[in-house]
Amino acid sequence: MNESLQAEAMVTLTPSAADHVKELLANEKDNAARTLRVYVEGGGCSGLQYGMVFDEKRDGDLVTDCHGVSVLVDSLSLNYLRGTIVDFVDSLSGGGFKISNPNARQSCGCGKSFEA
């Protein structure tokens, strides 16, 4: 399986999330040459937490395109993010990026950390 297909199976952005990422990239000149990275790291109230940052591609990263936005996933985060959907909700209460991960056995109330 090639890198693009593997990453595509890992993380998907909804059209709303992709549009918001494009807006962030357009408004921040420092991020113009960078790509959205979605990753998992230790921490949070459930043991693991999600992270999203604009970054440069590194060795071992998988890259996919979702609605015109390139997404990077590092090799350590791959197993935790398979099938994950990132959405963006524009709301006064509880708005922002929302992550739906089928691999999470339990998520905390904030939605930013989970137990695998």
Protein backbone atom coordinates (compact mmCIF):
# COMPACT_ATOMS: atom_id res chain seq x y z
CA MET A 1 0.00 0.00 0.00
CA ASN A 2 1.47 3.38 -0.89
CA GLU A 3 1.96 6.15 1.70
CA SER A 4 -0.97 8.27 0.50
CA LEU A 5 -3.45 5.38 0.73
CA GLN A 6 -2.23 4.38 4.18
CA ALA A 7 -2.60 7.93 5.51
CA GLU A 8 -6.02 8.28 3.88
CA ALA A 9 -7.18 5.28 5.90
CA MET A 10 -5.89 6.97 9.06
CA VAL A 11 -7.35 10.48 9.18
CA THR A 12 -10.12 12.20 7.27
CA LEU A 13 -11.07 15.87 7.43
CA THR A 14 -14.69 16.85 6.88
CA PRO A 15 -15.29 19.65 4.36
CA SER A 16 -15.92 22.02 7.28
CA ALA A 17 -12.59 21.14 8.93
CA ALA A 18 -10.71 21.43 5.62
CA ASP A 19 -12.24 24.86 4.97
CA HIS A 20 -11.22 26.07 8.42
CA VAL A 21 -7.66 24.77 7.99
CA LYS A 22 -7.43 26.58 4.63
CA GLU A 23 -8.62 29.76 6.34
CA LEU A 24 -5.99 29.39 9.09
CA LEU A 25 -3.26 28.83 6.51
CA ALA A 26 -4.37 31.88 4.50
CA ASN A 27 -4.42 34.13 7.57
CA GLU A 28 -1.05 33.06 9.02
CA LYS A 29 1.86 33.82 6.69
CA ASP A 30 4.26 31.87 8.95
CA ASN A 31 2.31 28.69 8.13
CA ALA A 32 2.20 29.21 4.36
CA ALA A 33 4.83 26.53 3.61
CA ARG A 34 3.62 24.12 6.29
CA THR A 35 1.19 21.21 6.39
CA LEU A 36 -1.40 20.16 8.96
CA ARG A 37 -0.07 17.43 11.25
CA VAL A 38 -2.49 15.32 13.32
CA TYR A 39 -0.80 13.30 16.06
CA VAL A 40 -1.19 11.52 19.38
CA GLU A 41 1.00 12.00 22.45
CA GLY A 42 0.98 10.88 26.06
CA GLY A 43 -0.98 13.05 28.50
CA GLY A 44 -4.43 14.37 29.11
CA CYS A 45 -6.88 13.02 31.65
CA SER A 46 -7.35 9.70 29.79
CA GLY A 47 -3.70 8.82 29.06
CA LEU A 48 -3.33 9.94 25.43
CA GLN A 49 -4.18 13.25 23.82
CA TYR A 50 -4.66 14.56 20.31
CA GLY A 51 -2.58 17.29 18.79
CA MET A 52 -2.81 19.34 15.62
CA VAL A 53 -0.12 21.70 14.41
CA PHE A 54 1.20 23.18 11.18
CA ASP A 55 4.52 21.48 10.49
CA GLU A 56 6.96 20.30 7.84
CA LYS A 57 7.03 16.75 6.49
CA ARG A 58 9.49 14.42 8.22
CA ASP A 59 10.92 11.02 7.32
CA GLY A 60 8.34 8.31 7.99
CA ASP A 61 5.33 10.64 7.76
CA LEU A 62 2.35 9.57 5.72
CA VAL A 63 0.55 12.26 3.74
CA THR A 64 -3.01 12.37 2.49
CA ASP A 65 -5.19 14.98 0.86
CA CYS A 66 -8.64 15.75 2.27
CA HIS A 67 -10.73 18.31 0.38
CA GLY A 68 -7.61 20.14 -0.80
CA VAL A 69 -5.74 20.05 2.54
CA SER A 70 -2.65 17.90 3.00
CA VAL A 71 -2.54 16.03 6.31
CA LEU A 72 0.58 14.53 7.89
CA VAL A 73 0.48 11.55 10.27
CA ASP A 74 3.66 10.33 11.96
CA SER A 75 4.46 6.64 12.18
CA LEU A 76 3.95 6.48 15.98
CA SER A 77 0.42 7.91 15.76
CA LEU A 78 -0.74 5.66 12.91
CA ASN A 79 -2.23 2.84 15.01
CA TYR A 80 -4.14 5.24 17.26
CA LEU A 81 -5.61 7.34 14.43
CA ARG A 82 -6.87 4.71 11.97
CA GLY A 83 -10.36 5.73 10.85
CA THR A 84 -10.32 9.06 12.72
CA ILE A 85 -12.50 11.90 11.43
CA VAL A 86 -11.67 15.53 12.21
CA ASP A 87 -14.59 17.95 11.99
CA PHE A 88 -14.90 21.67 12.68
CA VAL A 89 -17.96 23.08 14.42
CA ASP A 90 -18.51 26.84 14.38
CA SER A 91 -20.49 27.44 17.55
CA LEU A 92 -20.44 29.91 20.44
CA SER A 93 -20.51 27.08 22.96
CA GLY A 94 -18.28 24.10 22.32
CA GLY A 95 -17.09 25.14 18.87
CA GLY A 96 -13.76 24.14 17.37
CA PHE A 97 -12.17 21.00 15.99
CA LYS A 98 -13.92 17.78 17.02
CA ILE A 99 -12.17 14.43 16.73
CA SER A 100 -14.10 11.19 16.30
CA ASN A 101 -11.81 8.21 16.83
CA PRO A 102 -13.20 4.66 16.53
CA ASN A 103 -10.10 3.33 18.34
CA ALA A 104 -10.78 5.21 21.57
CA ARG A 105 -12.19 2.90 24.25
CA GLN A 106 -12.95 5.89 26.43
CA SER A 107 -12.74 9.66 25.92
CA CYS A 108 -12.75 12.40 28.48
CA GLY A 109 -15.39 15.12 28.62
CA CYS A 110 -13.14 17.69 26.92
CA GLY A 111 -12.76 15.46 23.83
CA LYS A 112 -9.04 16.15 23.64
CA SER A 113 -7.81 12.99 25.35
CA PHE A 114 -8.69 9.32 25.15
CA GLU A 115 -7.80 5.82 26.27
CA ALA A 116 -6.79 3.34 23.59
